[in-house]
Amino acid sequence: MTFTEAQQLIAKGEGQRIEFKLKAKHPDRIIREIVAFSNSKGGHLFIGVDDNGSIVGLKDAEEAHYVMGKAMVELCRPQIEYEHHIIPIDDNRAIIHYQFESGKNKPYFAFLKPSHKRGRSFVRLEDRSIQASRELRQILKFSLKEAQTSFEYGENEKMLLNYLGNHKEVTVNTFCTFGNINEQMASQTLIKLTLNNVLKVIPDENEDKFIFVV
């Protein structure tokens, strides 16, 4: 990637597929963005760029890349594939560009320390990375597998689809309330319908929303 190409991307500002970080001093704070890109539609991470899009650069971009590469190996599971470019902006400074594709081994998890046994999964929501819900993790896990097989529409499915015929969206808790069913049953039904392309999940910081696939 050339500096001109980088400038064009940076000019778009932070968003669903673009993130800026000024330094790589605390890579554990950046890992969640990387995981979110890999769990979503991919994206571009620039290090050496301020939140407002100002291109500040790094004095030792090679060292910063080493720190980030080590962190991705130690703190991301499964391992994440990426491309990177160190792009000079003058004789003394450079920025680092990382490009991540939508991953093939979802869901990906971020670990605060290599010794931690459990990590957190994140997805991208506009210009933020939010923690993935249990339902979304299951959808990510099975969405890349072979096409789902047909299934029978039971009472819960019929009740849910009838509700969505009169409302634009539903959540797990809403389904539990109007369906008078437990959380596990509501969750499983929503996951099943999403994996079979009947519903679409909209990630949300408070509670995911499910809508009809248009």
Protein backbone atom coordinates (compact mmCIF):
# COMPACT_ATOMS: atom_id res chain seq x y z
CA MET A 1 0.00 0.00 0.00
CA THR A 2 1.32 3.44 -0.92
CA PHE A 3 1.13 6.51 1.29
CA THR A 4 -1.45 8.03 -1.07
CA GLU A 5 -3.64 4.93 -0.80
CA ALA A 6 -3.30 5.02 2.97
CA GLN A 7 -4.29 8.71 3.03
CA GLN A 8 -7.42 7.93 1.01
CA LEU A 9 -8.51 5.25 3.47
CA ILE A 10 -7.66 7.35 6.52
CA ALA A 11 -9.66 10.27 5.10
CA LYS A 12 -12.81 8.15 5.39
CA GLY A 13 -12.44 8.17 9.19
CA GLU A 14 -13.02 5.38 11.67
CA GLY A 15 -15.97 3.17 10.89
CA GLN A 16 -17.18 -0.38 10.40
CA ARG A 17 -13.97 -1.42 8.64
CA ILE A 18 -11.41 1.22 9.66
CA GLU A 19 -9.70 1.76 13.03
CA PHE A 20 -6.90 4.15 14.12
CA LYS A 21 -4.43 3.69 16.96
CA LEU A 22 -1.77 6.24 17.86
CA LYS A 23 0.73 3.77 19.35
CA ALA A 24 1.28 0.05 19.91
CA LYS A 25 2.45 0.54 23.50
CA HIS A 26 -0.49 -1.45 24.92
CA PRO A 27 -1.25 -4.12 22.29
CA ASP A 28 -3.70 -5.90 24.60
CA ARG A 29 -5.99 -2.89 24.14
CA ILE A 30 -5.80 -3.23 20.34
CA ILE A 31 -6.40 -6.98 20.16
CA ARG A 32 -10.16 -6.60 20.57
CA GLU A 33 -10.31 -4.52 17.37
CA ILE A 34 -8.38 -7.19 15.47
CA VAL A 35 -10.65 -9.94 16.76
CA ALA A 36 -13.73 -7.87 15.91
CA PHE A 37 -12.57 -7.34 12.32
CA SER A 38 -11.89 -11.06 11.91
CA ASN A 39 -15.29 -11.99 13.35
CA SER A 40 -17.01 -9.44 11.10
CA LYS A 41 -16.31 -8.42 7.50
CA GLY A 42 -12.61 -7.66 7.90
CA GLY A 43 -11.03 -4.24 8.10
CA HIS A 44 -8.04 -1.91 8.16
CA LEU A 45 -6.05 -1.01 11.27
CA PHE A 46 -3.64 1.94 11.14
CA ILE A 47 -1.08 2.48 13.90
CA GLY A 48 0.49 5.91 14.06
CA VAL A 49 -2.80 7.70 13.31
CA ASP A 50 -4.77 9.71 15.87
CA ASP A 51 -8.51 9.21 16.43
CA ASN A 52 -9.26 12.35 14.43
CA GLY A 53 -7.36 11.01 11.41
CA SER A 54 -4.16 13.01 11.95
CA ILE A 55 -1.21 11.06 10.59
CA VAL A 56 1.39 11.34 13.37
CA GLY A 57 3.58 8.35 12.58
CA LEU A 58 5.92 6.19 14.67
CA LYS A 59 9.64 6.68 15.20
CA ASP A 60 10.29 2.92 15.27
CA ALA A 61 7.59 1.26 13.20
CA GLU A 62 9.54 -2.00 12.95
CA GLU A 63 9.60 -2.34 16.73
CA ALA A 64 5.89 -1.50 16.94
CA HIS A 65 5.12 -4.16 14.34
CA TYR A 66 7.17 -6.71 16.29
CA VAL A 67 5.15 -5.90 19.42
CA MET A 68 1.86 -6.23 17.54
CA GLY A 69 2.86 -9.45 15.79
CA LYS A 70 3.88 -11.02 19.09
CA ALA A 71 0.61 -9.93 20.70
CA MET A 72 -1.46 -11.40 17.88
CA VAL A 73 0.29 -14.74 18.26
CA GLU A 74 -0.04 -14.80 22.05
CA LEU A 75 -3.40 -13.10 22.61
CA CYS A 76 -5.60 -14.10 19.64
CA ARG A 77 -7.12 -17.56 19.31
CA PRO A 78 -7.46 -19.12 16.80
CA GLN A 79 -4.52 -17.52 15.02
CA ILE A 80 -5.48 -14.62 12.78
CA GLU A 81 -4.15 -14.10 9.27
CA TYR A 82 -3.29 -10.60 8.12
CA GLU A 83 -1.23 -8.50 5.74
CA HIS A 84 0.82 -5.53 6.88
CA HIS A 85 2.65 -2.60 5.35
CA ILE A 86 5.10 -0.19 6.97
CA ILE A 87 4.53 3.08 5.13
CA PRO A 88 7.07 5.93 5.51
CA ILE A 89 5.61 9.43 5.91
CA ASP A 90 8.97 11.22 6.11
CA ASP A 91 12.63 10.41 6.78
CA ASN A 92 12.02 9.67 10.47
CA ARG A 93 8.51 8.34 10.83
CA ALA A 94 6.17 5.74 9.37
CA ILE A 95 2.71 4.32 9.92
CA ILE A 96 1.73 0.65 10.00
CA HIS A 97 -1.24 -0.66 8.05
CA TYR A 98 -2.80 -4.02 8.89
CA GLN A 99 -5.46 -5.58 6.73
CA PHE A 100 -7.69 -8.34 8.11
CA GLU A 101 -10.13 -10.43 6.13
CA SER A 102 -13.31 -11.97 7.47
CA GLY A 103 -11.90 -15.03 9.27
CA LYS A 104 -12.39 -18.67 8.32
CA ASN A 105 -12.27 -20.04 11.88
CA LYS A 106 -14.85 -17.94 13.71
CA PRO A 107 -15.39 -17.09 16.45
CA TYR A 108 -12.05 -15.52 17.34
CA PHE A 109 -11.21 -14.61 20.91
CA ALA A 110 -9.03 -11.97 22.58
CA PHE A 111 -7.07 -12.87 25.72
CA LEU A 112 -5.76 -10.18 28.06
CA LYS A 113 -2.81 -12.39 28.95
CA PRO A 114 -1.32 -15.52 27.31
CA SER A 115 -1.94 -17.47 30.52
CA HIS A 116 -5.68 -16.81 30.52
CA LYS A 117 -7.80 -19.85 29.67
CA ARG A 118 -10.88 -17.95 28.59
CA GLY A 119 -11.01 -15.05 26.20
CA ARG A 120 -13.66 -12.67 24.96
CA SER A 121 -15.09 -12.54 21.47
CA PHE A 122 -15.82 -9.23 19.77
CA VAL A 123 -17.60 -8.03 16.64
CA ARG A 124 -17.58 -4.70 14.86
CA LEU A 125 -20.49 -2.30 15.33
CA GLU A 126 -20.01 0.87 13.29
CA ASP A 127 -16.76 2.40 14.65
CA ARG A 128 -16.69 0.29 17.83
CA SER A 129 -15.83 -3.26 18.82
CA ILE A 130 -18.41 -4.82 21.13
CA GLN A 131 -18.44 -8.12 22.97
CA ALA A 132 -20.26 -10.88 21.09
CA SER A 133 -23.27 -12.45 22.78
CA ARG A 134 -23.66 -16.20 23.33
CA GLU A 135 -26.08 -16.34 20.41
CA LEU A 136 -23.76 -14.46 18.09
CA ARG A 137 -20.81 -16.69 19.00
CA GLN A 138 -22.86 -19.75 18.06
CA ILE A 139 -23.96 -18.15 14.80
CA LEU A 140 -20.36 -17.25 13.95
CA LYS A 141 -19.21 -20.77 14.79
CA PHE A 142 -21.66 -22.55 12.51
CA SER A 143 -22.25 -19.97 9.78
CA LEU A 144 -19.21 -21.02 7.72
CA LYS A 145 -20.03 -24.72 7.81
CA GLU A 146 -22.03 -26.53 5.16
CA ALA A 147 -25.49 -25.23 4.35
CA GLN A 148 -28.00 -25.90 7.05
CA THR A 149 -30.50 -28.68 6.54
CA SER A 150 -34.24 -28.13 6.49
CA PHE A 151 -36.10 -28.29 9.79
CA GLU A 152 -39.65 -28.50 11.04
CA TYR A 153 -41.47 -25.40 12.18
CA GLY A 154 -42.66 -26.23 15.69
CA GLU A 155 -44.88 -24.18 17.94
CA ASN A 156 -42.03 -21.91 19.05
CA GLU A 157 -40.99 -21.16 15.47
CA LYS A 158 -44.57 -20.43 14.40
CA MET A 159 -45.12 -18.20 17.43
CA LEU A 160 -41.90 -16.29 16.72
CA LEU A 161 -42.61 -15.77 13.02
CA ASN A 162 -46.15 -14.64 13.80
CA TYR A 163 -44.71 -12.08 16.24
CA LEU A 164 -42.27 -10.80 13.62
CA GLY A 165 -45.15 -10.43 11.21
CA ASN A 166 -46.35 -7.59 13.43
CA HIS A 167 -43.05 -6.30 14.85
CA LYS A 168 -39.85 -5.31 13.09
CA GLU A 169 -37.48 -7.07 15.51
CA VAL A 170 -37.23 -9.43 18.46
CA THR A 171 -34.68 -10.15 21.20
CA VAL A 172 -34.10 -13.24 23.33
CA ASN A 173 -35.73 -11.60 26.35
CA THR A 174 -38.72 -10.40 24.34
CA PHE A 175 -39.22 -13.90 22.94
CA CYS A 176 -39.06 -15.36 26.45
CA THR A 177 -41.76 -12.94 27.61
CA PHE A 178 -44.37 -13.22 24.87
CA GLY A 179 -43.62 -16.90 24.21
CA ASN A 180 -43.59 -17.88 27.86
CA ILE A 181 -40.51 -20.03 27.27
CA ASN A 182 -37.12 -20.23 28.99
CA GLU A 183 -34.03 -18.37 27.80
CA GLN A 184 -32.28 -21.44 26.44
CA MET A 185 -35.22 -22.42 24.25
CA ALA A 186 -35.64 -18.86 22.98
CA SER A 187 -31.92 -18.63 22.23
CA GLN A 188 -31.77 -21.96 20.39
CA THR A 189 -34.79 -21.12 18.25
CA LEU A 190 -33.36 -17.75 17.21
CA ILE A 191 -29.97 -19.29 16.43
CA LYS A 192 -31.56 -22.05 14.34
CA LEU A 193 -33.65 -19.65 12.28
CA THR A 194 -30.66 -17.36 11.75
CA LEU A 195 -28.42 -20.22 10.56
CA ASN A 196 -31.15 -21.26 8.13
CA ASN A 197 -31.29 -17.72 6.70
CA VAL A 198 -34.81 -17.01 7.92
CA LEU A 199 -33.60 -14.36 10.36
CA LYS A 200 -30.67 -11.98 10.50
CA VAL A 201 -28.90 -10.97 13.72
CA ILE A 202 -28.09 -7.31 14.39
CA PRO A 203 -25.38 -7.06 17.10
CA ASP A 204 -26.09 -4.60 19.89
CA GLU A 205 -24.22 -3.58 23.05
CA ASN A 206 -27.29 -4.18 25.20
CA GLU A 207 -29.05 -7.08 23.50
CA ASP A 208 -28.87 -8.45 19.95
CA LYS A 209 -31.85 -7.91 17.71
CA PHE A 210 -33.19 -10.42 15.21
CA ILE A 211 -35.09 -9.42 12.07
CA PHE A 212 -36.45 -11.13 8.95
CA VAL A 213 -33.94 -11.63 6.14
CA VAL A 214 -34.99 -9.29 3.34
